Amino acid sequence: MDDIKAAFPHYAESSVRKRLKQCSDFKRLGTGPDQNYWVLRPEFRLPSKEEVLAMVTPEMCCAQYSMLAAEQRLKIKCAPWNTTRAFLSSMRGKCLLDQTGIADPTGCGQGFSYDDTPAMPKRLVTGTNADLRKLPLKEAKEICRDYGVREEEINALSRWEIIDVIRTLSTQAAKAKADSSGD
């Protein structure tokens, strides 16, 4: 029974015993802990490997492992040392605390999450509302077209050259706008 309890730690022993009664019989031979054991009933047939594979698809396995990984990430993010570190960092003025989030103990926004958020937002390129490092090539080419760059020039450039052109043109446009408003 100890082996089964170790395999299913989230289930109560009574629940495990109830499931075992469906497919096996409990044999009592004595009073010691190693004297009692479960024996598979002769009329009960375990599913073959092919039947198990038909019941559990690869997608179900991937979903299960993805869920377990996400659950582990949440546990780590909500761990006391992470929330304490976030609180101490915020007291030193190095970050801000987000009051709502996954670490909210009440689950309804009534408690404090102590999840740190950066004090400074990610810097965007002047004149654009995009983080150019994550900007898809298709959208980057569209921004170049908006700035009046010819299609032949765009097609001749690599992705990072296009990003550099956007950075240069948006900075020039922002300077020109500042100069015209300052006059």
C-alpha atoms as a PDB file:
ATOM      1  CA  MET A   1       0.000   0.000   0.000  1.00  0.00           C
ATOM      2  CA  ASP A   2       2.909   2.346   0.717  1.00  0.00           C
ATOM      3  CA  ASP A   3       4.128   2.019  -2.881  1.00  0.00           C
ATOM      4  CA  ILE A   4       0.704   2.942  -4.225  1.00  0.00           C
ATOM      5  CA  LYS A   5       0.338   5.877  -1.815  1.00  0.00           C
ATOM      6  CA  ALA A   6       3.743   7.132  -2.976  1.00  0.00           C
ATOM      7  CA  ALA A   7       2.638   6.876  -6.619  1.00  0.00           C
ATOM      8  CA  PHE A   8      -0.598   8.797  -5.939  1.00  0.00           C
ATOM      9  CA  PRO A   9       0.232  11.288  -3.158  1.00  0.00           C
ATOM     10  CA  HIS A  10      -2.758  13.572  -3.851  1.00  0.00           C
ATOM     11  CA  TYR A  11      -5.335  10.832  -3.237  1.00  0.00           C
ATOM     12  CA  ALA A  12      -6.577   9.755   0.173  1.00  0.00           C
ATOM     13  CA  GLU A  13      -5.839   6.189   1.211  1.00  0.00           C
ATOM     14  CA  SER A  14      -9.566   5.419   1.324  1.00  0.00           C
ATOM     15  CA  SER A  15      -9.925   6.545  -2.289  1.00  0.00           C
ATOM     16  CA  VAL A  16      -7.002   4.351  -3.367  1.00  0.00           C
ATOM     17  CA  ARG A  17      -8.470   1.364  -1.494  1.00  0.00           C
ATOM     18  CA  LYS A  18     -11.835   1.923  -3.192  1.00  0.00           C
ATOM     19  CA  ARG A  19     -10.163   1.770  -6.626  1.00  0.00           C
ATOM     20  CA  LEU A  20      -8.131  -1.300  -5.669  1.00  0.00           C
ATOM     21  CA  LYS A  21     -11.290  -3.161  -4.555  1.00  0.00           C
ATOM     22  CA  GLN A  22     -12.605  -2.949  -8.130  1.00  0.00           C
ATOM     23  CA  CYS A  23      -9.726  -4.986  -9.548  1.00  0.00           C
ATOM     24  CA  SER A  24      -8.104  -6.891  -6.672  1.00  0.00           C
ATOM     25  CA  ASP A  25      -8.677  -8.696  -3.391  1.00  0.00           C
ATOM     26  CA  PHE A  26      -7.034  -7.875  -0.050  1.00  0.00           C
ATOM     27  CA  LYS A  27      -5.310 -10.891   1.536  1.00  0.00           C
ATOM     28  CA  ARG A  28      -4.679 -10.935   5.284  1.00  0.00           C
ATOM     29  CA  LEU A  29      -2.061 -13.432   6.411  1.00  0.00           C
ATOM     30  CA  GLY A  30      -0.977 -12.044   9.753  1.00  0.00           C
ATOM     31  CA  THR A  31      -0.675  -8.982  11.934  1.00  0.00           C
ATOM     32  CA  GLY A  32       2.618  -7.500  10.649  1.00  0.00           C
ATOM     33  CA  PRO A  33       2.817  -4.776   8.016  1.00  0.00           C
ATOM     34  CA  ASP A  34       4.336  -7.138   5.420  1.00  0.00           C
ATOM     35  CA  GLN A  35       1.715  -9.845   6.051  1.00  0.00           C
ATOM     36  CA  ASN A  36      -1.159  -8.158   4.166  1.00  0.00           C
ATOM     37  CA  TYR A  37      -1.227  -7.494   0.424  1.00  0.00           C
ATOM     38  CA  TRP A  38      -3.459  -6.991  -2.622  1.00  0.00           C
ATOM     39  CA  VAL A  39      -3.868  -9.719  -5.273  1.00  0.00           C
ATOM     40  CA  LEU A  40      -5.208  -9.067  -8.774  1.00  0.00           C
ATOM     41  CA  ARG A  41      -8.555 -10.783  -9.386  1.00  0.00           C
ATOM     42  CA  PRO A  42      -8.404 -13.580 -11.985  1.00  0.00           C
ATOM     43  CA  GLU A  43     -11.353 -12.172 -13.969  1.00  0.00           C
ATOM     44  CA  PHE A  44      -9.786  -8.694 -14.182  1.00  0.00           C
ATOM     45  CA  ARG A  45      -7.775  -8.037 -17.346  1.00  0.00           C
ATOM     46  CA  LEU A  46      -5.163  -5.290 -17.499  1.00  0.00           C
ATOM     47  CA  PRO A  47      -5.224  -3.304 -20.770  1.00  0.00           C
ATOM     48  CA  SER A  48      -2.515  -4.110 -23.298  1.00  0.00           C
ATOM     49  CA  LYS A  49       0.096  -1.581 -24.366  1.00  0.00           C
ATOM     50  CA  GLU A  50      -1.828  -0.919 -27.596  1.00  0.00           C
ATOM     51  CA  GLU A  51      -5.053  -0.277 -25.673  1.00  0.00           C
ATOM     52  CA  VAL A  52      -3.296   2.165 -23.349  1.00  0.00           C
ATOM     53  CA  LEU A  53      -1.736   3.948 -26.335  1.00  0.00           C
ATOM     54  CA  ALA A  54      -5.195   4.206 -27.925  1.00  0.00           C
ATOM     55  CA  MET A  55      -6.623   5.726 -24.729  1.00  0.00           C
ATOM     56  CA  VAL A  56      -3.829   8.280 -24.250  1.00  0.00           C
ATOM     57  CA  THR A  57      -2.890  10.378 -27.271  1.00  0.00           C
ATOM     58  CA  PRO A  58       0.466  12.176 -27.665  1.00  0.00           C
ATOM     59  CA  GLU A  59      -1.425  15.471 -27.427  1.00  0.00           C
ATOM     60  CA  MET A  60      -2.804  14.464 -24.033  1.00  0.00           C
ATOM     61  CA  CYS A  61       0.723  13.628 -22.824  1.00  0.00           C
ATOM     62  CA  CYS A  62       2.047  16.960 -24.093  1.00  0.00           C
ATOM     63  CA  ALA A  63      -0.817  18.816 -22.423  1.00  0.00           C
ATOM     64  CA  GLN A  64      -0.154  17.003 -19.136  1.00  0.00           C
ATOM     65  CA  TYR A  65       3.577  17.794 -19.138  1.00  0.00           C
ATOM     66  CA  SER A  66       2.913  21.374 -20.218  1.00  0.00           C
ATOM     67  CA  MET A  67       0.471  21.774 -17.336  1.00  0.00           C
ATOM     68  CA  LEU A  68       2.970  20.318 -14.863  1.00  0.00           C
ATOM     69  CA  ALA A  69       5.715  22.657 -16.116  1.00  0.00           C
ATOM     70  CA  ALA A  70       3.406  25.687 -15.845  1.00  0.00           C
ATOM     71  CA  GLU A  71       2.349  24.643 -12.350  1.00  0.00           C
ATOM     72  CA  GLN A  72       6.013  24.353 -11.330  1.00  0.00           C
ATOM     73  CA  ARG A  73       6.777  27.821 -12.751  1.00  0.00           C
ATOM     74  CA  LEU A  74       3.871  29.287 -10.764  1.00  0.00           C
ATOM     75  CA  LYS A  75       5.063  27.596  -7.568  1.00  0.00           C
ATOM     76  CA  ILE A  76       8.547  29.008  -8.080  1.00  0.00           C
ATOM     77  CA  LYS A  77       7.207  32.478  -8.862  1.00  0.00           C
ATOM     78  CA  CYS A  78       5.023  32.421  -5.725  1.00  0.00           C
ATOM     79  CA  ALA A  79       7.741  30.943  -3.514  1.00  0.00           C
ATOM     80  CA  PRO A  80       8.374  32.912  -0.314  1.00  0.00           C
ATOM     81  CA  TRP A  81      11.957  33.774  -1.267  1.00  0.00           C
ATOM     82  CA  ASN A  82      10.803  35.278  -4.576  1.00  0.00           C
ATOM     83  CA  THR A  83       7.965  37.303  -3.068  1.00  0.00           C
ATOM     84  CA  THR A  84      10.199  38.472  -0.209  1.00  0.00           C
ATOM     85  CA  ARG A  85      12.941  39.449  -2.677  1.00  0.00           C
ATOM     86  CA  ALA A  86      10.377  41.388  -4.719  1.00  0.00           C
ATOM     87  CA  PHE A  87       9.096  43.164  -1.597  1.00  0.00           C
ATOM     88  CA  LEU A  88      12.609  44.112  -0.457  1.00  0.00           C
ATOM     89  CA  SER A  89      13.523  45.311  -3.967  1.00  0.00           C
ATOM     90  CA  SER A  90      10.450  47.520  -4.025  1.00  0.00           C
ATOM     91  CA  MET A  91      11.318  48.979  -0.611  1.00  0.00           C
ATOM     92  CA  ARG A  92      14.731  49.929  -2.032  1.00  0.00           C
ATOM     93  CA  GLY A  93      12.994  51.543  -5.020  1.00  0.00           C
ATOM     94  CA  LYS A  94      14.362  49.075  -7.560  1.00  0.00           C
ATOM     95  CA  CYS A  95      10.988  47.800  -8.773  1.00  0.00           C
ATOM     96  CA  LEU A  96       7.267  48.234  -8.277  1.00  0.00           C
ATOM     97  CA  LEU A  97       4.920  45.701  -6.740  1.00  0.00           C
ATOM     98  CA  ASP A  98       1.904  44.501  -8.673  1.00  0.00           C
ATOM     99  CA  GLN A  99      -0.924  43.991  -6.200  1.00  0.00           C
ATOM    100  CA  THR A 100      -2.905  41.600  -8.357  1.00  0.00           C
ATOM    101  CA  GLY A 101      -1.626  38.486 -10.018  1.00  0.00           C
ATOM    102  CA  ILE A 102      -0.917  34.826  -9.609  1.00  0.00           C
ATOM    103  CA  ALA A 103       0.536  35.154  -6.119  1.00  0.00           C
ATOM    104  CA  ASP A 104      -2.560  36.819  -4.641  1.00  0.00           C
ATOM    105  CA  PRO A 105      -3.410  34.500  -1.743  1.00  0.00           C
ATOM    106  CA  THR A 106      -7.125  35.328  -1.839  1.00  0.00           C
ATOM    107  CA  GLY A 107      -7.510  34.692  -5.566  1.00  0.00           C
ATOM    108  CA  CYS A 108     -10.001  37.548  -5.922  1.00  0.00           C
ATOM    109  CA  GLY A 109      -7.839  40.670  -5.709  1.00  0.00           C
ATOM    110  CA  GLN A 110      -8.298  41.161  -1.963  1.00  0.00           C
ATOM    111  CA  GLY A 111      -4.663  40.383  -1.029  1.00  0.00           C
ATOM    112  CA  PHE A 112      -1.223  41.468  -2.152  1.00  0.00           C
ATOM    113  CA  SER A 113       0.555  39.542  -4.870  1.00  0.00           C
ATOM    114  CA  TYR A 114       4.038  40.998  -4.309  1.00  0.00           C
ATOM    115  CA  ASP A 115       4.902  40.250  -7.909  1.00  0.00           C
ATOM    116  CA  ASP A 116       7.606  42.642  -9.077  1.00  0.00           C
ATOM    117  CA  THR A 117       7.171  44.692 -12.228  1.00  0.00           C
ATOM    118  CA  PRO A 118      10.008  46.728 -13.699  1.00  0.00           C
ATOM    119  CA  ALA A 119      10.086  50.355 -12.565  1.00  0.00           C
ATOM    120  CA  MET A 120      10.920  51.516 -16.089  1.00  0.00           C
ATOM    121  CA  PRO A 121       8.780  50.306 -18.991  1.00  0.00           C
ATOM    122  CA  LYS A 122      10.540  48.768 -21.977  1.00  0.00           C
ATOM    123  CA  ARG A 123      12.020  51.469 -24.132  1.00  0.00           C
ATOM    124  CA  LEU A 124      10.363  51.946 -27.461  1.00  0.00           C
ATOM    125  CA  VAL A 125      11.977  53.544 -30.469  1.00  0.00           C
ATOM    126  CA  THR A 126      11.253  57.263 -30.739  1.00  0.00           C
ATOM    127  CA  GLY A 127       8.387  57.901 -33.125  1.00  0.00           C
ATOM    128  CA  THR A 128       7.104  54.309 -33.064  1.00  0.00           C
ATOM    129  CA  ASN A 129       5.022  52.364 -30.603  1.00  0.00           C
ATOM    130  CA  ALA A 130       6.860  49.086 -31.121  1.00  0.00           C
ATOM    131  CA  ASP A 131       9.720  47.219 -29.495  1.00  0.00           C
ATOM    132  CA  LEU A 132      11.841  46.764 -32.606  1.00  0.00           C
ATOM    133  CA  ARG A 133      13.599  43.655 -31.301  1.00  0.00           C
ATOM    134  CA  LYS A 134      10.302  41.763 -31.374  1.00  0.00           C
ATOM    135  CA  LEU A 135       8.859  43.440 -34.454  1.00  0.00           C
ATOM    136  CA  PRO A 136       8.002  40.881 -37.162  1.00  0.00           C
ATOM    137  CA  LEU A 137       9.710  41.389 -40.519  1.00  0.00           C
ATOM    138  CA  LYS A 138       6.378  41.929 -42.300  1.00  0.00           C
ATOM    139  CA  GLU A 139       5.426  44.788 -39.960  1.00  0.00           C
ATOM    140  CA  ALA A 140       8.954  46.236 -40.144  1.00  0.00           C
ATOM    141  CA  LYS A 141       8.714  46.376 -43.945  1.00  0.00           C
ATOM    142  CA  GLU A 142       5.312  48.078 -43.630  1.00  0.00           C
ATOM    143  CA  ILE A 143       6.796  50.758 -41.340  1.00  0.00           C
ATOM    144  CA  CYS A 144       9.579  51.324 -43.890  1.00  0.00           C
ATOM    145  CA  ARG A 145       6.938  51.794 -46.607  1.00  0.00           C
ATOM    146  CA  ASP A 146       5.139  54.306 -44.348  1.00  0.00           C
ATOM    147  CA  TYR A 147       8.385  56.296 -44.100  1.00  0.00           C
ATOM    148  CA  GLY A 148       8.672  56.308 -47.908  1.00  0.00           C
ATOM    149  CA  VAL A 149      11.426  53.741 -48.447  1.00  0.00           C
ATOM    150  CA  ARG A 150      11.214  52.179 -51.915  1.00  0.00           C
ATOM    151  CA  GLU A 151      10.264  48.510 -52.237  1.00  0.00           C
ATOM    152  CA  GLU A 152      13.536  47.635 -54.050  1.00  0.00           C
ATOM    153  CA  GLU A 153      15.580  49.063 -51.175  1.00  0.00           C
ATOM    154  CA  ILE A 154      13.501  47.176 -48.586  1.00  0.00           C
ATOM    155  CA  ASN A 155      13.912  43.845 -50.406  1.00  0.00           C
ATOM    156  CA  ALA A 156      17.698  44.331 -50.602  1.00  0.00           C
ATOM    157  CA  LEU A 157      18.042  44.726 -46.810  1.00  0.00           C
ATOM    158  CA  SER A 158      18.302  42.029 -44.135  1.00  0.00           C
ATOM    159  CA  ARG A 159      15.974  42.042 -41.117  1.00  0.00           C
ATOM    160  CA  TRP A 160      18.387  43.897 -38.829  1.00  0.00           C
ATOM    161  CA  GLU A 161      19.268  46.396 -41.551  1.00  0.00           C
ATOM    162  CA  ILE A 162      15.533  47.128 -41.907  1.00  0.00           C
ATOM    163  CA  ILE A 163      15.289  47.605 -38.118  1.00  0.00           C
ATOM    164  CA  ASP A 164      18.261  50.006 -38.276  1.00  0.00           C
ATOM    165  CA  VAL A 165      16.572  51.986 -41.083  1.00  0.00           C
ATOM    166  CA  ILE A 166      13.366  52.252 -39.012  1.00  0.00           C
ATOM    167  CA  ARG A 167      15.362  53.400 -35.984  1.00  0.00           C
ATOM    168  CA  THR A 168      17.175  56.066 -38.032  1.00  0.00           C
ATOM    169  CA  LEU A 169      14.074  57.325 -39.859  1.00  0.00           C
ATOM    170  CA  SER A 170      11.903  57.433 -36.730  1.00  0.00           C
ATOM    171  CA  THR A 171      14.585  59.377 -34.844  1.00  0.00           C
ATOM    172  CA  GLN A 172      14.895  61.855 -37.735  1.00  0.00           C
ATOM    173  CA  ALA A 173      11.110  62.245 -37.878  1.00  0.00           C
ATOM    174  CA  ALA A 174      10.915  62.851 -34.120  1.00  0.00           C
ATOM    175  CA  LYS A 175      13.709  65.478 -34.320  1.00  0.00           C
ATOM    176  CA  ALA A 176      11.995  67.199 -37.244  1.00  0.00           C
ATOM    177  CA  LYS A 177       8.709  67.244 -35.346  1.00  0.00           C
ATOM    178  CA  ALA A 178      10.419  68.677 -32.238  1.00  0.00           C
ATOM    179  CA  ASP A 179      12.190  71.344 -34.341  1.00  0.00           C
ATOM    180  CA  SER A 180       8.968  72.382 -36.088  1.00  0.00           C
ATOM    181  CA  SER A 181       7.038  72.647 -32.808  1.00  0.00           C
ATOM    182  CA  GLY A 182       9.889  74.568 -31.154  1.00  0.00           C
ATOM    183  CA  ASP A 183       9.949  77.329 -33.803  1.00  0.00           C
END
